[in-house]
Amino acid sequence: MQIPLTPEDISEGVDLDFREVEEHWNVYQLEDGSLLKVKLVLIGVKRLKKYNPDGTPIYLINSQNIVRVVKIPPELKAKPREPSLKPQ
């Protein structure tokens, strides 16, 4: 069930400080043989003055996804390009 939110709901929310307890990488094997690692990093949290039907408060988060390709099959790699800036 989706709770409708207004701009006022967001502006009246309370910004919360936080500390990292654990951050884990999710690892995905793609069908082409590549291996991806993905991690969500929390940047900000806001608790709204609205509640889910079960009574829990609604939180909005601002986050960044960090993506690393840790294994690429050799046949998928392109030839490296020459650098556009050369040392003088």
Protein backbone atom coordinates (compact mmCIF):
# COMPACT_ATOMS: atom_id res chain seq x y z
CA MET A 1 0.00 0.00 0.00
CA GLN A 2 1.44 3.34 -1.03
CA ILE A 3 0.95 6.33 1.28
CA PRO A 4 0.54 9.60 -0.66
CA LEU A 5 3.14 12.23 0.26
CA THR A 6 2.96 15.97 -0.30
CA PRO A 7 5.85 18.45 -0.48
CA GLU A 8 4.68 19.69 2.94
CA ASP A 9 5.03 16.17 4.39
CA ILE A 10 8.64 16.15 3.24
CA SER A 11 9.51 19.68 4.38
CA GLU A 12 7.99 19.03 7.83
CA GLY A 13 10.00 15.83 8.27
CA VAL A 14 12.84 15.58 10.76
CA ASP A 15 16.41 15.14 9.49
CA LEU A 16 18.15 12.40 11.46
CA ASP A 17 21.84 11.86 12.12
CA PHE A 18 23.10 8.32 11.68
CA ARG A 19 26.23 6.22 11.94
CA GLU A 20 27.28 3.28 9.82
CA VAL A 21 26.87 -0.03 11.65
CA GLU A 22 27.40 -2.35 8.66
CA GLU A 23 27.62 -1.92 4.91
CA HIS A 24 27.67 -5.00 2.74
CA TRP A 25 28.35 -5.56 -0.92
CA ASN A 26 25.75 -7.45 -2.95
CA VAL A 27 27.44 -9.62 -5.56
CA TYR A 28 25.77 -10.49 -8.88
CA GLN A 29 26.87 -12.96 -11.55
CA LEU A 30 25.64 -11.75 -14.96
CA GLU A 31 24.72 -14.11 -17.77
CA ASP A 32 27.65 -12.77 -19.83
CA GLY A 33 30.08 -13.98 -17.13
CA SER A 34 30.73 -10.56 -15.56
CA LEU A 35 30.70 -10.21 -11.79
CA LEU A 36 29.26 -7.03 -10.25
CA LYS A 37 29.49 -5.78 -6.70
CA VAL A 38 26.87 -3.23 -5.64
CA LYS A 39 26.55 -1.34 -2.36
CA LEU A 40 23.95 1.19 -1.22
CA VAL A 41 25.55 4.01 0.80
CA LEU A 42 23.24 6.10 2.96
CA ILE A 43 23.71 9.86 2.59
CA GLY A 44 20.72 11.25 4.51
CA VAL A 45 17.59 10.20 6.42
CA LYS A 46 14.36 12.03 7.15
CA ARG A 47 11.53 10.75 9.39
CA LEU A 48 8.16 12.04 8.27
CA LYS A 49 5.20 12.86 10.46
CA LYS A 50 3.23 10.22 8.56
CA TYR A 51 2.77 6.57 9.40
CA ASN A 52 2.27 3.24 7.69
CA PRO A 53 -0.98 1.38 8.42
CA ASP A 54 0.87 -0.72 11.02
CA GLY A 55 1.84 2.44 12.93
CA THR A 56 5.51 2.57 11.94
CA PRO A 57 6.86 5.97 10.89
CA ILE A 58 7.75 6.60 7.26
CA TYR A 59 11.42 7.33 6.53
CA LEU A 60 12.83 8.87 3.37
CA ILE A 61 16.43 8.15 2.50
CA ASN A 62 18.96 9.77 0.22
CA SER A 63 21.45 7.18 -0.98
CA GLN A 64 24.13 6.47 -3.55
CA ASN A 65 24.71 3.18 -5.34
CA ILE A 66 28.35 2.16 -5.66
CA VAL A 67 28.94 -0.32 -8.52
CA ARG A 68 32.18 -2.20 -9.18
CA VAL A 69 32.80 -4.65 -11.97
CA VAL A 70 35.22 -7.13 -10.44
CA LYS A 71 35.40 -9.74 -13.18
CA ILE A 72 34.97 -9.26 -16.92
CA PRO A 73 35.47 -12.11 -19.38
CA PRO A 74 38.42 -11.26 -21.70
CA GLU A 75 36.24 -11.50 -24.83
CA LEU A 76 34.07 -8.60 -23.56
CA LYS A 77 36.95 -6.20 -23.03
CA ALA A 78 37.71 -3.55 -25.63
CA LYS A 79 41.23 -2.52 -26.53
CA PRO A 80 42.37 0.32 -24.23
CA ARG A 81 42.45 3.75 -25.88
CA GLU A 82 45.48 5.97 -25.98
CA PRO A 83 45.34 8.76 -23.38
CA SER A 84 44.14 12.07 -24.81
CA LEU A 85 46.66 14.02 -22.72
CA LYS A 86 50.28 13.06 -23.15
CA PRO A 87 53.05 13.95 -20.66
CA GLN A 88 55.31 16.77 -21.80
